N, C-alpha and C. Protein backbone atom coordinates (compact mmCIF):
# COMPACT_ATOMS: atom_id res chain seq x y z
N MET A 1 -26.28 -146.74 141.99
CA MET A 1 -26.84 -145.23 141.99
C MET A 1 -27.65 -144.88 141.07
N GLU A 2 -28.47 -144.16 141.80
CA GLU A 2 -30.23 -143.69 140.84
C GLU A 2 -28.89 -142.51 139.61
N THR A 3 -29.81 -141.91 138.81
CA THR A 3 -28.84 -141.24 137.96
C THR A 3 -29.30 -140.25 138.55
N ARG A 4 -30.41 -139.75 139.26
CA ARG A 4 -30.85 -137.94 139.47
C ARG A 4 -29.75 -137.98 140.79
N GLU A 5 -29.50 -138.84 141.78
CA GLU A 5 -28.82 -138.79 143.05
C GLU A 5 -27.36 -138.85 142.39
N CYS A 6 -26.81 -139.59 141.11
CA CYS A 6 -25.22 -139.41 140.56
C CYS A 6 -25.18 -138.00 140.06
N ILE A 7 -26.56 -137.26 139.32
CA ILE A 7 -26.47 -135.73 138.94
C ILE A 7 -26.03 -134.99 140.05
N LYS A 8 -26.98 -135.31 141.13
CA LYS A 8 -27.09 -133.87 142.18
C LYS A 8 -25.98 -134.06 142.77
N THR A 9 -25.21 -135.30 143.05
CA THR A 9 -23.96 -135.30 144.43
C THR A 9 -23.02 -135.58 143.53
N ARG A 10 -22.40 -135.41 142.07
CA ARG A 10 -21.48 -135.53 141.62
C ARG A 10 -20.69 -133.83 142.18
N ARG A 11 -19.42 -133.90 142.07
CA ARG A 11 -18.92 -132.87 142.29
C ARG A 11 -17.67 -132.43 141.71
N SER A 12 -17.15 -131.13 141.53
CA SER A 12 -15.72 -131.35 140.78
C SER A 12 -14.68 -131.38 142.11
N ILE A 13 -13.67 -132.69 141.83
CA ILE A 13 -12.67 -132.89 142.52
C ILE A 13 -11.11 -132.45 141.95
N ARG A 14 -10.53 -131.84 142.80
CA ARG A 14 -9.08 -131.41 142.15
C ARG A 14 -8.30 -131.70 143.03
N ARG A 15 -8.40 -132.86 144.11
CA ARG A 15 -7.54 -133.35 144.82
C ARG A 15 -7.75 -134.87 144.76
N PHE A 16 -6.78 -135.39 144.47
CA PHE A 16 -6.40 -136.81 144.20
C PHE A 16 -5.68 -137.91 145.09
N THR A 17 -5.92 -138.91 145.73
CA THR A 17 -5.35 -139.85 146.34
C THR A 17 -4.15 -140.46 144.92
N ASP A 18 -3.20 -140.88 145.94
CA ASP A 18 -2.26 -141.82 144.53
C ASP A 18 -2.48 -143.10 144.57
N GLU A 19 -3.76 -143.57 144.96
CA GLU A 19 -4.58 -144.85 144.53
C GLU A 19 -4.58 -145.23 142.83
N PRO A 20 -4.14 -146.30 142.38
CA PRO A 20 -4.35 -146.17 140.83
C PRO A 20 -5.79 -146.59 140.52
N VAL A 21 -6.04 -146.33 139.25
CA VAL A 21 -7.35 -146.32 139.02
C VAL A 21 -6.98 -147.53 137.70
N SER A 22 -7.68 -148.44 138.18
CA SER A 22 -7.70 -149.95 137.35
C SER A 22 -8.10 -149.50 135.97
N ASP A 23 -7.22 -150.81 134.83
CA ASP A 23 -7.81 -150.38 133.39
C ASP A 23 -8.97 -150.85 133.67
N ASP A 24 -9.39 -151.80 134.16
CA ASP A 24 -11.04 -152.06 134.26
C ASP A 24 -12.33 -151.10 134.19
N LEU A 25 -12.09 -149.99 135.59
CA LEU A 25 -12.60 -149.27 136.07
C LEU A 25 -12.21 -147.55 134.74
N LEU A 26 -11.02 -148.07 133.96
CA LEU A 26 -10.97 -146.97 133.00
C LEU A 26 -11.71 -147.03 131.92
N TYR A 27 -11.84 -148.62 131.49
CA TYR A 27 -12.78 -148.60 130.40
C TYR A 27 -13.91 -148.43 130.92
N GLU A 28 -14.64 -148.98 131.68
CA GLU A 28 -15.85 -148.36 132.30
C GLU A 28 -16.30 -146.95 131.95
N VAL A 29 -15.48 -146.04 132.73
CA VAL A 29 -15.81 -144.75 132.58
C VAL A 29 -16.01 -144.62 130.94
N LEU A 30 -15.02 -144.96 129.58
CA LEU A 30 -14.82 -145.01 128.33
C LEU A 30 -16.21 -145.23 128.04
N GLU A 31 -16.83 -146.54 128.57
CA GLU A 31 -17.83 -147.20 127.97
C GLU A 31 -18.73 -145.90 128.00
N ALA A 32 -19.15 -145.26 129.11
CA ALA A 32 -19.98 -144.21 129.23
C ALA A 32 -20.23 -143.11 127.96
N VAL A 33 -18.85 -142.86 127.66
CA VAL A 33 -18.35 -142.33 126.77
C VAL A 33 -19.22 -142.64 125.46
N ARG A 34 -18.71 -143.99 125.23
CA ARG A 34 -19.02 -144.01 123.76
C ARG A 34 -20.86 -144.35 123.50
N TRP A 35 -21.43 -144.25 124.88
CA TRP A 35 -22.58 -144.40 124.81
C TRP A 35 -23.53 -143.21 124.68
N ALA A 36 -22.87 -141.72 124.50
CA ALA A 36 -23.53 -140.34 124.37
C ALA A 36 -23.95 -140.30 123.36
N PRO A 37 -24.95 -139.73 123.53
CA PRO A 37 -25.85 -139.62 122.06
C PRO A 37 -24.95 -138.28 121.48
N SER A 38 -25.08 -138.00 119.64
CA SER A 38 -24.46 -137.07 119.17
C SER A 38 -25.08 -136.73 118.09
N TRP A 39 -24.93 -135.99 117.28
CA TRP A 39 -25.82 -135.41 116.02
C TRP A 39 -25.57 -136.71 114.81
N ALA A 40 -26.69 -137.28 114.47
CA ALA A 40 -26.37 -137.67 113.46
C ALA A 40 -25.82 -139.35 113.61
N ASN A 41 -25.66 -139.35 114.99
CA ASN A 41 -24.35 -140.74 114.97
C ASN A 41 -23.30 -140.46 114.78
N THR A 42 -22.79 -139.72 115.02
CA THR A 42 -21.43 -138.65 114.05
C THR A 42 -20.53 -139.71 115.26
N GLN A 43 -20.44 -139.56 116.40
CA GLN A 43 -19.13 -139.60 117.59
C GLN A 43 -18.59 -138.71 117.29
N CYS A 44 -18.38 -137.96 117.18
CA CYS A 44 -17.21 -136.93 116.98
C CYS A 44 -15.75 -136.69 117.78
N TRP A 45 -16.35 -137.53 119.17
CA TRP A 45 -15.35 -137.33 120.58
C TRP A 45 -14.25 -138.40 120.14
N GLU A 46 -13.17 -137.74 120.71
CA GLU A 46 -11.73 -138.95 120.63
C GLU A 46 -10.79 -138.41 121.58
N ILE A 47 -10.28 -139.47 122.44
CA ILE A 47 -10.02 -139.06 124.03
C ILE A 47 -8.53 -139.66 124.04
N ILE A 48 -7.65 -139.18 124.48
CA ILE A 48 -5.86 -139.55 125.02
C ILE A 48 -6.40 -139.82 126.23
N VAL A 49 -5.73 -141.11 126.72
CA VAL A 49 -5.44 -141.14 127.85
C VAL A 49 -3.88 -140.72 128.25
N VAL A 50 -3.45 -140.48 129.36
CA VAL A 50 -1.99 -139.63 129.83
C VAL A 50 -2.38 -140.49 131.34
N LYS A 51 -0.96 -140.90 131.89
CA LYS A 51 -0.84 -141.71 132.54
C LYS A 51 0.72 -141.00 132.54
N ASP A 52 1.55 -141.28 132.22
CA ASP A 52 2.92 -140.32 132.34
C ASP A 52 2.92 -139.31 132.96
N SER A 53 3.87 -139.36 134.23
CA SER A 53 4.14 -138.13 134.85
C SER A 53 4.18 -136.44 134.63
N SER A 54 5.38 -136.72 133.55
CA SER A 54 5.91 -135.43 133.14
C SER A 54 5.47 -135.00 131.86
N THR A 55 4.19 -135.66 130.96
CA THR A 55 3.41 -135.42 129.85
C THR A 55 2.30 -134.74 130.69
N LYS A 56 1.73 -135.31 132.38
CA LYS A 56 0.79 -134.21 133.09
C LYS A 56 1.60 -132.70 133.44
N ASP A 57 2.71 -132.88 133.97
CA ASP A 57 3.09 -131.81 134.81
C ASP A 57 2.87 -130.54 132.80
N LYS A 58 3.54 -130.96 131.98
CA LYS A 58 3.61 -130.43 130.97
C LYS A 58 2.02 -129.68 130.71
N ILE A 59 0.95 -130.81 130.67
CA ILE A 59 -0.11 -130.52 130.47
C ILE A 59 -0.94 -129.39 131.94
N ALA A 60 -0.41 -129.40 133.12
CA ALA A 60 -0.82 -128.46 134.09
C ALA A 60 -0.10 -127.09 133.42
N SER A 61 1.11 -127.03 133.20
CA SER A 61 1.66 -125.59 132.56
C SER A 61 1.19 -125.28 131.71
N ILE A 62 0.29 -125.73 130.71
CA ILE A 62 -0.79 -125.18 129.51
C ILE A 62 -1.59 -124.13 130.18
N LEU A 63 -2.34 -124.81 131.23
CA LEU A 63 -3.32 -124.11 132.27
C LEU A 63 -3.25 -122.69 132.05
N SER A 64 -4.78 -122.06 132.40
CA SER A 64 -4.48 -120.68 132.49
C SER A 64 -4.07 -120.50 133.95
N PRO A 65 -3.34 -119.31 134.08
CA PRO A 65 -2.42 -119.14 135.19
C PRO A 65 -3.34 -119.15 136.74
N ASN A 66 -2.83 -119.76 137.84
CA ASN A 66 -3.64 -119.86 138.97
C ASN A 66 -4.77 -120.42 138.59
N ASN A 67 -4.36 -122.01 138.08
CA ASN A 67 -5.97 -122.42 137.70
C ASN A 67 -5.89 -123.55 138.96
N PRO A 68 -6.92 -123.65 139.59
CA PRO A 68 -7.45 -124.52 140.52
C PRO A 68 -7.09 -126.07 140.24
N ALA A 69 -7.16 -126.15 138.83
CA ALA A 69 -7.55 -127.56 138.69
C ALA A 69 -6.20 -128.18 138.53
N ALA A 70 -5.04 -127.16 138.18
CA ALA A 70 -3.14 -127.79 137.64
C ALA A 70 -2.82 -129.08 138.90
N LYS A 71 -3.04 -129.00 139.84
CA LYS A 71 -2.18 -129.27 141.11
C LYS A 71 -2.84 -130.78 141.01
N GLY A 72 -4.43 -131.07 140.62
CA GLY A 72 -4.56 -132.11 140.42
C GLY A 72 -4.92 -132.75 138.88
N VAL A 73 -4.24 -132.40 137.87
CA VAL A 73 -4.07 -132.86 136.77
C VAL A 73 -2.71 -133.22 136.87
N LYS A 74 -1.35 -132.49 137.48
CA LYS A 74 -0.39 -132.97 137.83
C LYS A 74 -0.77 -134.79 138.68
N GLU A 75 -1.66 -134.76 139.88
CA GLU A 75 -1.21 -136.14 140.72
C GLU A 75 -2.26 -137.03 140.35
N ALA A 76 -3.25 -136.65 139.51
CA ALA A 76 -4.43 -137.86 139.04
C ALA A 76 -3.40 -138.70 138.55
N PRO A 77 -3.98 -139.84 139.17
CA PRO A 77 -3.68 -140.90 138.02
C PRO A 77 -3.72 -141.29 136.75
N VAL A 78 -4.46 -141.01 136.56
CA VAL A 78 -5.01 -140.34 134.81
C VAL A 78 -5.33 -139.08 134.46
N VAL A 79 -5.11 -138.26 133.45
CA VAL A 79 -5.84 -137.43 132.93
C VAL A 79 -6.02 -137.76 131.46
N LEU A 80 -7.60 -137.34 131.12
CA LEU A 80 -8.17 -137.64 130.14
C LEU A 80 -8.35 -136.52 129.29
N ILE A 81 -7.93 -136.20 128.04
CA ILE A 81 -7.82 -134.81 127.24
C ILE A 81 -8.99 -135.48 126.08
N VAL A 82 -10.21 -134.89 126.21
CA VAL A 82 -11.28 -135.34 125.44
C VAL A 82 -11.36 -134.19 124.34
N CYS A 83 -11.47 -134.59 122.81
CA CYS A 83 -10.98 -133.76 122.06
C CYS A 83 -12.38 -134.05 120.11
N GLY A 84 -12.80 -133.15 119.57
CA GLY A 84 -13.47 -133.06 118.77
C GLY A 84 -13.02 -133.07 117.56
N ARG A 85 -13.58 -134.21 116.60
CA ARG A 85 -13.39 -134.11 115.37
C ARG A 85 -14.35 -133.19 114.56
N THR A 86 -13.76 -132.12 114.04
CA THR A 86 -14.36 -131.17 113.13
C THR A 86 -15.21 -131.49 111.94
N GLY A 87 -15.89 -130.82 111.63
CA GLY A 87 -16.77 -131.16 110.40
C GLY A 87 -17.76 -132.48 110.01
N LEU A 88 -17.92 -132.65 111.51
CA LEU A 88 -18.84 -133.90 111.45
C LEU A 88 -19.96 -133.72 111.70
N ALA A 89 -19.80 -133.38 113.19
CA ALA A 89 -21.47 -132.69 114.03
C ALA A 89 -22.30 -131.71 113.32
N GLY A 90 -23.12 -131.86 113.48
CA GLY A 90 -23.95 -130.27 112.90
C GLY A 90 -23.57 -130.50 111.16
N PHE A 91 -23.40 -131.44 110.56
CA PHE A 91 -22.93 -131.50 108.94
C PHE A 91 -24.27 -132.76 108.59
N LYS A 92 -24.09 -131.62 107.20
CA LYS A 92 -24.99 -133.28 105.92
C LYS A 92 -24.28 -132.49 104.74
N ASP A 93 -23.51 -133.94 104.38
CA ASP A 93 -23.30 -133.94 102.71
C ASP A 93 -21.88 -132.66 102.84
N GLY A 94 -21.42 -132.37 104.35
CA GLY A 94 -20.62 -131.20 103.80
C GLY A 94 -20.80 -129.69 104.69
N VAL A 95 -22.11 -129.55 104.39
CA VAL A 95 -23.10 -128.35 104.45
C VAL A 95 -23.35 -128.37 105.98
N ALA A 96 -22.98 -127.26 106.75
CA ALA A 96 -23.85 -127.09 108.18
C ALA A 96 -25.34 -126.78 107.94
N LYS A 97 -25.75 -127.45 109.00
CA LYS A 97 -27.15 -127.62 108.79
C LYS A 97 -27.99 -126.60 110.29
N THR A 98 -27.20 -126.04 110.90
CA THR A 98 -28.07 -125.34 111.47
C THR A 98 -26.88 -123.73 111.82
N ASP A 99 -27.26 -122.66 112.27
CA ASP A 99 -26.22 -121.65 112.35
C ASP A 99 -25.83 -121.30 113.43
N LYS A 100 -25.54 -122.68 114.38
CA LYS A 100 -24.27 -122.60 115.20
C LYS A 100 -23.20 -123.29 114.85
N GLY A 101 -23.02 -123.34 113.13
CA GLY A 101 -21.64 -124.19 112.99
C GLY A 101 -21.40 -125.82 113.66
N ASP A 102 -19.79 -125.49 113.11
CA ASP A 102 -19.46 -126.85 113.66
C ASP A 102 -19.98 -127.36 115.46
N TRP A 103 -20.88 -128.23 115.43
CA TRP A 103 -21.95 -129.10 116.59
C TRP A 103 -21.18 -129.94 117.40
N TYR A 104 -19.54 -129.80 117.44
CA TYR A 104 -18.81 -131.14 117.79
C TYR A 104 -18.66 -130.11 119.49
N MET A 105 -18.48 -129.18 119.52
CA MET A 105 -18.56 -128.68 121.48
C MET A 105 -20.10 -129.26 121.76
N PHE A 106 -20.80 -129.46 121.67
CA PHE A 106 -22.34 -129.96 122.20
C PHE A 106 -21.71 -131.16 122.19
N ASP A 107 -21.68 -132.38 121.37
CA ASP A 107 -21.81 -133.17 121.70
C ASP A 107 -20.29 -134.04 122.21
N VAL A 108 -19.30 -133.31 122.32
CA VAL A 108 -18.08 -133.62 123.07
C VAL A 108 -18.80 -133.23 124.78
N GLY A 109 -19.28 -132.12 124.62
CA GLY A 109 -20.08 -131.80 126.32
C GLY A 109 -20.70 -133.01 126.65
N ILE A 110 -21.82 -133.26 126.18
CA ILE A 110 -22.59 -134.32 126.64
C ILE A 110 -21.37 -135.75 126.71
N ALA A 111 -20.87 -136.05 125.94
CA ALA A 111 -19.93 -137.40 125.95
C ALA A 111 -19.10 -136.86 127.35
N CYS A 112 -18.19 -135.81 127.74
CA CYS A 112 -17.81 -135.66 128.87
C CYS A 112 -18.63 -135.56 130.04
N GLN A 113 -19.88 -135.00 130.15
CA GLN A 113 -20.63 -135.31 131.41
C GLN A 113 -21.15 -136.64 130.93
N ASN A 114 -21.46 -137.75 130.31
CA ASN A 114 -21.41 -139.24 130.68
C ASN A 114 -20.40 -139.58 131.26
N LEU A 115 -18.99 -139.18 130.88
CA LEU A 115 -17.74 -139.58 131.67
C LEU A 115 -17.44 -139.61 132.98
N CYS A 116 -17.93 -137.98 133.08
CA CYS A 116 -17.85 -137.69 135.21
C CYS A 116 -19.01 -138.25 135.52
N LEU A 117 -20.24 -138.40 135.07
CA LEU A 117 -21.42 -139.27 136.09
C LEU A 117 -21.07 -140.52 135.97
N ALA A 118 -20.22 -141.70 135.01
CA ALA A 118 -20.04 -142.42 135.42
C ALA A 118 -18.52 -142.51 136.21
N ALA A 119 -18.13 -142.09 136.31
CA ALA A 119 -16.70 -142.34 137.30
C ALA A 119 -17.52 -141.63 138.21
N HIS A 120 -18.28 -140.72 138.87
CA HIS A 120 -18.87 -140.61 140.14
C HIS A 120 -19.38 -141.91 140.70
N ASP A 121 -19.96 -142.50 139.85
CA ASP A 121 -20.94 -143.34 139.97
C ASP A 121 -19.91 -144.73 140.26
N LEU A 122 -18.99 -144.97 139.96
CA LEU A 122 -17.74 -145.59 140.20
C LEU A 122 -16.97 -145.31 141.27
N GLY A 123 -17.28 -144.24 142.04
CA GLY A 123 -16.30 -143.68 142.90
C GLY A 123 -14.99 -142.55 142.94
N LEU A 124 -15.07 -142.37 141.46
CA LEU A 124 -14.20 -141.52 140.84
C LEU A 124 -14.27 -140.45 141.27
N GLY A 125 -13.23 -139.08 140.94
CA GLY A 125 -13.13 -137.91 140.82
C GLY A 125 -13.35 -137.45 139.90
N THR A 126 -13.34 -136.12 139.15
CA THR A 126 -13.53 -135.57 138.13
C THR A 126 -13.32 -133.94 138.35
N VAL A 127 -12.92 -133.54 137.40
CA VAL A 127 -13.37 -131.99 137.34
C VAL A 127 -13.13 -131.55 135.39
N HIS A 128 -13.84 -130.55 135.17
CA HIS A 128 -14.29 -130.19 133.89
C HIS A 128 -12.83 -129.05 133.92
N VAL A 129 -12.18 -129.39 133.11
CA VAL A 129 -11.16 -128.30 132.90
C VAL A 129 -10.79 -127.43 131.75
N GLY A 130 -11.56 -126.45 131.73
CA GLY A 130 -11.04 -125.79 129.83
C GLY A 130 -10.44 -125.10 129.72
N SER A 131 -10.05 -123.73 130.71
CA SER A 131 -9.39 -123.00 131.00
C SER A 131 -7.74 -122.50 130.33
N LEU A 132 -7.46 -123.41 129.66
CA LEU A 132 -6.10 -123.81 129.10
C LEU A 132 -5.62 -123.29 127.67
N ASP A 133 -4.33 -123.17 127.49
CA ASP A 133 -3.85 -122.54 125.83
C ASP A 133 -3.86 -124.15 125.43
N HIS A 134 -5.00 -123.94 124.33
CA HIS A 134 -5.65 -125.43 123.49
C HIS A 134 -4.92 -125.25 122.54
N LYS A 135 -4.24 -124.39 122.10
CA LYS A 135 -3.17 -124.36 120.73
C LYS A 135 -2.17 -125.14 121.36
N ALA A 136 -1.42 -124.94 122.40
CA ALA A 136 -0.48 -125.44 122.62
C ALA A 136 -0.91 -126.99 123.70
N LEU A 137 -1.75 -127.36 123.99
CA LEU A 137 -2.15 -128.50 123.88
C LEU A 137 -2.06 -129.16 122.90
N ASP A 138 -2.97 -128.83 121.86
CA ASP A 138 -2.75 -129.80 120.79
C ASP A 138 -1.75 -129.84 119.75
N GLU A 139 -1.08 -128.73 119.87
CA GLU A 139 0.52 -129.37 119.77
C GLU A 139 1.15 -130.26 120.18
N LEU A 140 1.09 -130.44 121.67
CA LEU A 140 1.40 -131.46 122.68
C LEU A 140 1.48 -132.71 122.35
N LEU A 141 0.10 -132.89 121.85
CA LEU A 141 -0.24 -134.16 122.01
C LEU A 141 0.01 -134.68 120.55
N GLY A 142 0.08 -133.51 119.35
CA GLY A 142 0.32 -134.11 118.09
C GLY A 142 -1.11 -134.28 117.37
N LEU A 143 -2.47 -133.60 117.90
CA LEU A 143 -3.50 -133.63 117.12
C LEU A 143 -3.37 -133.02 115.97
N PRO A 144 -4.47 -133.63 114.85
CA PRO A 144 -4.51 -133.15 113.73
C PRO A 144 -4.93 -132.01 113.37
N GLU A 145 -5.05 -131.38 112.13
CA GLU A 145 -5.78 -130.25 111.77
C GLU A 145 -7.19 -130.09 112.38
N ASP A 146 -8.02 -131.31 112.23
CA ASP A 146 -9.66 -131.74 112.26
C ASP A 146 -9.90 -132.41 113.70
N VAL A 147 -8.75 -132.10 114.50
CA VAL A 147 -8.97 -132.79 115.42
C VAL A 147 -8.70 -131.50 117.02
N LYS A 148 -9.27 -131.19 117.26
CA LYS A 148 -9.44 -130.32 118.90
C LYS A 148 -9.70 -130.74 120.34
N SER A 149 -8.80 -130.21 120.53
CA SER A 149 -8.77 -130.41 122.41
C SER A 149 -9.58 -129.46 122.84
N VAL A 150 -10.93 -130.20 123.68
CA VAL A 150 -12.08 -129.40 124.03
C VAL A 150 -11.85 -129.65 125.42
N GLU A 151 -11.40 -130.35 126.52
CA GLU A 151 -11.53 -130.39 127.61
C GLU A 151 -10.40 -131.56 128.02
N VAL A 152 -10.17 -130.78 129.24
CA VAL A 152 -9.00 -131.73 130.15
C VAL A 152 -9.32 -132.02 131.22
N ILE A 153 -9.73 -133.83 132.00
CA ILE A 153 -10.36 -134.26 132.77
C ILE A 153 -9.33 -135.45 133.61
N PRO A 154 -9.18 -135.00 134.67
CA PRO A 154 -8.00 -135.63 135.49
C PRO A 154 -8.93 -136.36 136.27
N LEU A 155 -8.76 -138.01 136.36
CA LEU A 155 -9.82 -139.12 137.16
C LEU A 155 -8.54 -139.66 138.19
N GLY A 156 -9.88 -139.90 139.00
CA GLY A 156 -8.90 -140.44 140.35
C GLY A 156 -9.94 -140.50 141.35
N TYR A 157 -9.13 -141.44 142.71
CA TYR A 157 -9.71 -141.21 143.92
C TYR A 157 -9.85 -139.91 144.67
N PRO A 158 -11.24 -139.42 144.82
CA PRO A 158 -11.13 -138.40 145.43
C PRO A 158 -10.51 -138.15 146.64
N ALA A 159 -9.30 -136.96 147.02
CA ALA A 159 -8.42 -136.62 148.55
C ALA A 159 -10.00 -136.48 149.73
N LYS A 160 -10.73 -135.72 148.68
CA LYS A 160 -11.38 -135.06 150.13
C LYS A 160 -13.05 -134.75 148.82
N GLU A 161 -14.06 -134.80 149.43
CA GLU A 161 -15.52 -134.24 149.20
C GLU A 161 -15.67 -133.65 148.89
N GLY A 162 -15.77 -132.52 147.49
CA GLY A 162 -16.78 -131.20 147.02
C GLY A 162 -17.63 -131.09 147.66
N LYS A 163 -17.95 -129.65 147.77
CA LYS A 163 -19.21 -129.45 148.68
C LYS A 163 -20.14 -128.57 147.05
N ALA A 164 -21.08 -128.54 147.77
CA ALA A 164 -22.27 -128.51 146.34
C ALA A 164 -22.45 -126.92 146.47
N PRO A 165 -22.00 -126.01 145.35
CA PRO A 165 -22.13 -124.91 145.36
C PRO A 165 -23.90 -123.98 145.04
N PRO A 166 -23.96 -123.12 145.37
CA PRO A 166 -25.47 -122.71 145.45
C PRO A 166 -26.22 -122.73 144.20
N ARG A 167 -27.50 -123.03 144.02
CA ARG A 167 -28.24 -123.62 142.49
C ARG A 167 -28.90 -122.41 142.50
N LYS A 168 -28.90 -122.18 141.15
CA LYS A 168 -30.57 -120.93 140.99
C LYS A 168 -31.59 -121.70 140.95
N ALA A 169 -32.68 -121.06 141.77
CA ALA A 169 -34.20 -121.63 141.83
C ALA A 169 -34.14 -122.32 140.26
N ILE A 170 -35.46 -122.93 139.94
CA ILE A 170 -36.03 -123.23 138.64
C ILE A 170 -36.29 -122.07 138.06
N GLU A 171 -37.15 -121.15 138.88
CA GLU A 171 -37.94 -120.49 138.48
C GLU A 171 -36.87 -118.96 137.74
N ASP A 172 -36.14 -119.05 138.21
CA ASP A 172 -35.05 -118.26 137.32
C ASP A 172 -34.15 -118.20 136.48
N PHE A 173 -34.45 -119.53 135.77
CA PHE A 173 -34.14 -119.66 134.69
C PHE A 173 -35.06 -120.77 133.68
N VAL A 174 -36.15 -120.73 134.36
CA VAL A 174 -37.11 -122.07 133.05
C VAL A 174 -38.56 -120.63 132.85
N TYR A 175 -39.35 -120.49 131.47
CA TYR A 175 -39.93 -119.37 130.97
C TYR A 175 -41.07 -120.70 130.49
N PHE A 176 -42.33 -119.83 130.88
CA PHE A 176 -43.47 -120.63 130.53
C PHE A 176 -43.77 -120.20 128.97
N GLU A 177 -43.53 -120.97 127.65
CA GLU A 177 -44.17 -120.56 126.49
C GLU A 177 -43.61 -119.53 125.45
N LYS A 178 -42.86 -118.44 126.42
CA LYS A 178 -42.01 -117.72 125.93
C LYS A 178 -40.70 -116.76 126.71
N TYR A 179 -40.12 -116.39 126.39
CA TYR A 179 -38.61 -115.70 127.24
C TYR A 179 -39.76 -114.71 127.77
N GLY A 180 -39.20 -114.87 129.06
CA GLY A 180 -39.69 -113.66 130.00
C GLY A 180 -40.81 -113.48 131.00
N ASN A 181 -41.71 -115.05 130.61
CA ASN A 181 -42.82 -115.71 131.39
C ASN A 181 -42.00 -116.72 132.34
N LYS A 182 -41.77 -116.27 133.07
CA LYS A 182 -41.51 -117.07 134.56
C LYS A 182 -42.13 -118.31 135.07
N ILE A 183 -41.61 -119.39 135.00
CA ILE A 183 -42.84 -120.55 135.63
C ILE A 183 -43.28 -120.22 136.78
N LYS A 184 -44.06 -120.77 137.25
CA LYS A 184 -44.27 -120.88 138.59
C LYS A 184 -43.97 -122.00 139.26
N ALA A 185 -43.62 -122.05 139.96
CA ALA A 185 -42.65 -123.47 141.08
C ALA A 185 -44.07 -123.92 142.01
């Protein structure tokens, strides 16, 4: 699949079939994370692969109330918890190099997008899930103090295809030379 087609056709998938994801496909998806760019190549992401149904049920219970992804977390054959190791990205010699602070959220976001695009290219579905009790998730998974959960990503074969939501026009978010000068399409 061409890159732009993959970007334009990937959808959030919240319902999965019960077909297992092979370890070969899982490793292909994880390989895409490995090649994500990061601040000074710090590669601050860490991933926990969950296949156990009781653990998936516990994770689903930690999501925000009425989260539409809860059923998908329970039924997906694989759930990936993408975490970030703090204090690496955005730092040099232990000193923050940007007023944005720790850069791990940015780097983990790139890694998650690589993961989801690779999954789509392989015929798998995913959804980015971030509305949850992160502290409870970190405790459930035994994360050390300097590793923080960022996203829960269920992974599996889509039970149905998602529909594309409306997108803003380029003119609605791109400016020329300075903010306020709308670009002309």
